[in-house]
Every structure is written in structure tokens, then in C-alpha cells.
Protein backbone atom coordinates (compact mmCIF):
# COMPACT_ATOMS: atom_id res chain seq x y z
CA MET A 1 0.00 0.00 0.00
CA GLN A 2 1.52 3.32 -1.07
CA LEU A 3 -0.10 5.17 1.83
CA ILE A 4 1.78 3.01 4.35
CA ALA A 5 5.11 3.70 2.62
CA ALA A 6 4.38 7.43 2.56
CA LEU A 7 3.45 7.41 6.26
CA LEU A 8 6.58 5.50 7.16
CA ASP A 9 8.65 8.11 5.31
CA ILE A 10 6.82 10.93 7.07
CA CYS A 11 7.30 9.27 10.45
CA SER A 12 11.02 8.77 9.83
CA GLU A 13 11.43 12.48 9.03
CA ARG A 14 9.72 13.78 12.17
CA GLU A 15 10.44 13.38 15.81
CA ARG A 16 7.37 12.24 17.78
CA PRO A 17 5.01 12.07 14.75
CA ILE A 18 1.23 12.18 15.09
CA ILE A 19 -1.21 10.93 12.46
CA ALA A 20 -4.91 11.81 12.58
CA ILE A 21 -7.53 9.83 10.64
CA ASP A 22 -10.79 11.76 10.32
CA GLY A 23 -13.93 11.63 8.22
CA PRO A 24 -17.63 10.83 8.53
CA ALA A 25 -18.93 8.03 10.74
CA GLY A 26 -18.73 4.63 9.11
CA ALA A 27 -16.01 5.59 6.61
CA GLY A 28 -13.49 2.99 7.80
CA LYS A 29 -11.24 5.10 10.04
CA THR A 30 -10.84 2.41 12.70
CA THR A 31 -10.02 -0.20 10.08
CA LEU A 32 -7.41 2.06 8.49
CA ALA A 33 -5.88 2.89 11.90
CA HIS A 34 -5.57 -0.83 12.59
CA GLU A 35 -3.94 -1.47 9.20
CA ILE A 36 -1.45 1.35 9.76
CA TYR A 37 -0.74 0.00 13.24
CA LEU A 38 -0.10 -3.50 11.89
CA ALA A 39 2.19 -2.17 9.17
CA LEU A 40 4.23 0.21 11.33
CA ALA A 41 4.30 -1.50 14.75
CA PRO A 42 7.09 -3.94 13.73
CA LYS A 43 9.28 -0.92 12.94
CA ILE A 44 8.28 1.65 15.61
CA SER A 45 6.14 1.72 18.75
CA VAL A 46 2.60 2.94 18.08
CA ASN A 47 -0.30 4.12 20.25
CA VAL A 48 -3.78 4.32 18.70
CA ILE A 49 -6.38 6.48 20.44
CA HIS A 50 -10.00 6.16 19.31
CA MET A 51 -12.22 9.23 19.58
CA ASP A 52 -15.14 7.00 20.61
CA ASP A 53 -13.21 6.38 23.84
CA LEU A 54 -12.84 10.11 24.52
CA TYR A 55 -16.29 11.46 23.64
CA ASP A 56 -18.53 12.50 26.51
CA GLY A 57 -21.60 10.75 25.13
CA TRP A 58 -23.56 11.75 22.05
CA ASP A 59 -24.49 15.30 22.97
CA ASN A 60 -21.10 16.45 24.31
CA ALA A 61 -18.83 14.52 21.96
CA LEU A 62 -17.35 17.23 19.75
CA GLY A 63 -16.52 20.32 21.74
CA ALA A 64 -14.04 22.10 23.94
CA ASP A 65 -13.60 19.08 26.23
CA LEU A 66 -12.53 16.84 23.35
CA SER A 67 -10.19 19.55 22.04
CA ALA A 68 -8.60 19.88 25.49
CA ILE A 69 -8.10 16.11 25.84
CA LEU A 70 -6.58 15.89 22.37
CA LYS A 71 -4.24 18.81 23.04
CA TYR A 72 -3.17 17.16 26.30
CA LEU A 73 -2.49 13.85 24.53
CA VAL A 74 -0.48 15.60 21.82
CA ASN A 75 1.55 17.57 24.38
CA GLN A 76 2.32 14.42 26.38
CA HIS A 77 3.30 12.58 23.21
CA GLN A 78 5.59 15.40 22.10
CA LYS A 79 7.32 15.31 25.50
CA SER A 80 7.59 11.51 25.35
CA SER A 81 5.63 11.37 28.60
CA SER A 82 2.90 9.00 29.65
CA ALA A 83 -0.67 10.28 29.59
CA GLN A 84 -3.73 9.58 31.69
CA ILE A 85 -7.12 9.11 30.04
CA LYS A 86 -10.54 7.97 31.10
CA ARG A 87 -12.34 5.94 28.45
CA TYR A 88 -16.05 6.53 27.94
CA ASN A 89 -18.31 3.54 28.58
CA TRP A 90 -21.26 3.79 26.19
CA SER A 91 -23.24 1.19 28.15
CA THR A 92 -23.15 3.16 31.41
CA SER A 93 -22.89 6.65 29.87
CA SER A 94 -19.93 7.43 32.10
CA PHE A 95 -16.16 7.56 32.09
CA GLY A 96 -14.16 4.71 33.58
CA GLU A 97 -11.14 4.79 35.83
CA SER A 98 -8.04 6.66 34.77
CA GLU A 99 -5.69 4.64 32.53
CA ASN A 100 -2.04 5.20 31.82
CA ILE A 101 -0.90 5.44 28.19
CA GLU A 102 2.83 4.82 27.91
CA PRO A 103 4.84 6.88 25.42
CA ALA A 104 5.36 5.53 21.90
CA ASP A 105 7.22 6.67 18.81
CA LEU A 106 3.99 7.32 16.88
CA LEU A 107 0.58 8.49 18.04
CA ILE A 108 -2.42 7.73 15.83
CA LEU A 109 -5.63 9.62 16.62
CA GLU A 110 -8.61 7.99 14.96
CA GLY A 111 -12.21 9.09 14.66
CA VAL A 112 -14.51 12.01 14.00
CA GLY A 113 -12.80 15.03 15.53
CA SER A 114 -9.24 13.70 15.48
CA GLY A 115 -8.29 16.39 12.94
CA ASP A 116 -9.20 19.15 15.42
CA LYS A 117 -8.00 22.55 14.19
CA SER A 118 -6.07 23.12 17.43
CA LEU A 119 -3.87 20.11 16.53
CA GLN A 120 -3.46 20.52 12.80
CA ASP A 121 -0.05 22.21 13.03
CA ASP A 122 1.20 19.38 15.26
CA LEU A 123 0.21 16.58 12.89
CA ALA A 124 2.72 14.78 10.70
CA ALA A 125 -0.23 13.71 8.55
CA LEU A 126 -3.97 14.25 8.48
CA ILE A 127 -5.85 11.54 6.60
CA TRP A 128 -9.43 12.13 5.54
CA ILE A 129 -11.64 9.21 4.53
CA ASP A 130 -14.60 10.19 2.39
CA ILE A 131 -17.88 8.36 2.31
CA ASP A 132 -21.42 9.46 1.59
CA PRO A 133 -22.57 10.31 5.14
CA GLU A 134 -25.88 8.44 4.70
CA ILE A 135 -24.02 5.27 3.68
CA GLY A 136 -21.63 5.72 6.60
CA VAL A 137 -24.52 5.96 9.05
CA MET A 138 -26.04 2.78 7.66
CA ARG A 139 -22.67 1.02 8.10
CA VAL A 140 -22.59 2.10 11.74
CA ILE A 141 -26.17 0.93 12.31
CA ASP A 142 -25.36 -2.42 10.66
CA ARG A 143 -22.29 -2.73 12.92
CA ASP A 144 -23.72 -1.40 16.21
CA GLY A 145 -27.43 -2.20 15.88
CA TYR A 146 -30.63 -0.28 15.37
CA GLN A 147 -30.57 1.05 18.93
CA VAL A 148 -28.14 3.76 17.69
CA GLU A 149 -30.21 4.75 14.63
CA ASP A 150 -31.80 7.90 16.09
CA GLU A 151 -28.52 9.11 17.58
CA MET A 152 -26.65 8.41 14.34
CA LYS A 153 -29.16 10.42 12.33
CA LYS A 154 -28.57 13.37 14.67
CA TRP A 155 -24.83 12.70 14.43
CA LEU A 156 -24.92 13.50 10.69
CA GLY A 157 -25.55 17.16 11.50
CA THR A 158 -23.17 17.19 14.46
CA GLN A 159 -20.24 15.83 12.49
CA GLN A 160 -20.92 18.06 9.47
CA LYS A 161 -20.93 21.17 11.65
CA TYR A 162 -17.68 20.05 13.27
CA PHE A 163 -15.99 19.34 9.92
CA SER A 164 -17.02 22.78 8.64
CA GLN A 165 -15.68 24.54 11.74
CA HIS A 166 -12.35 22.70 11.61
CA SER A 167 -11.86 22.55 7.80
CA THR A 168 -10.77 18.97 8.33
CA ARG A 169 -11.14 17.70 4.78
CA GLU A 170 -9.57 20.83 3.30
CA LYS A 171 -6.52 20.50 5.57
CA ALA A 172 -6.00 16.78 4.89
CA ASP A 173 -2.68 15.57 3.52
CA PHE A 174 -4.29 12.41 2.15
CA ILE A 175 -7.89 11.94 1.00
CA LEU A 176 -9.17 8.39 0.62
CA THR A 177 -12.61 7.29 -0.57
CA THR A 178 -14.53 4.23 0.58
């Protein structure tokens, strides 16, 4: 895959590189993050952080709190320091206990909002994955079940507003289509 080779080159040219993978729900961001992890982990240490683990539920997912957490994670990564996060439990609608994330050579941020404008200058690469948002929502419903259908339909507007505010697609270094 040419993308993997390009990312490896980018990572070798930067100290403490960070890759963000953003795009509409259901586009394949998690799958791509996993593929990049599998390809690069034999060569360098890699941490993957999923936005779904950082969101504060549906209604408070994309806002100042997420931006602050992302900035903290980036700062810790750049200092080669461990970071503390609390992962969101979607079943209980609450955050879990604090977890320690050990430093790694590469940090991959994956999910809607990972290309936050406050981070864009710190990113070695911003990858955007395009998909028709309606198709993406159906993929999520197929994966997670019809209990998320109403929330996912609202999410279409939430993510679009966020992408517009952060110019995520326009700032992307790589644009992929699924």
C-alpha cells in the first residue's frame, strides 16, 4: 500500500510524529488505523487512540472538552511522557477509571474530531476518509445495531458542523474514498 510507505517516510522524518484519521462516521477510520498500526508496529512503537473512547456521550462529543483532551495527549506525546485518560463507557454513559498510556514513537488519533484545528499544526499527517454520510450511518447501524439509529441520524448534523468549523477535509494531507 503506497499510503503506508508514505506514512513510514513521514514518520522517519519527524520526531514524535502524530497521524490523525478523520472523516464521517462509518467511513473505515478504525479499520485504516488498525492497518497502519499492523504495518508500522514492527518498525516503531505505536499508540492508537479512538475518539469513541474520549467522547462524553452523544451530545457532548465534539466540543471544547474533546479539544482539550486531544491537546493534552499531543503535548504528552511530544514530551515523550505517559498520559492519563478515562475511556467513555457507552453502556453506562460514564467515564471509567483513569488509565495510563505509555509513550510511543507514533501516536495515531482515529475518529470524527481527530483532525481538530487546534492540533493541525502538530500533525505529521492528516488523513481524511470520504464516504457518503448516509451510507456511513447505515454502516454504523449495521455494525452497532438499530438502537443507535436515532442518535446516528442526529450525528450527521453534528459531524458536518464540526468538519465545517475545523476545515478537516480541506486541511487533509491524504484523501481516501470508501
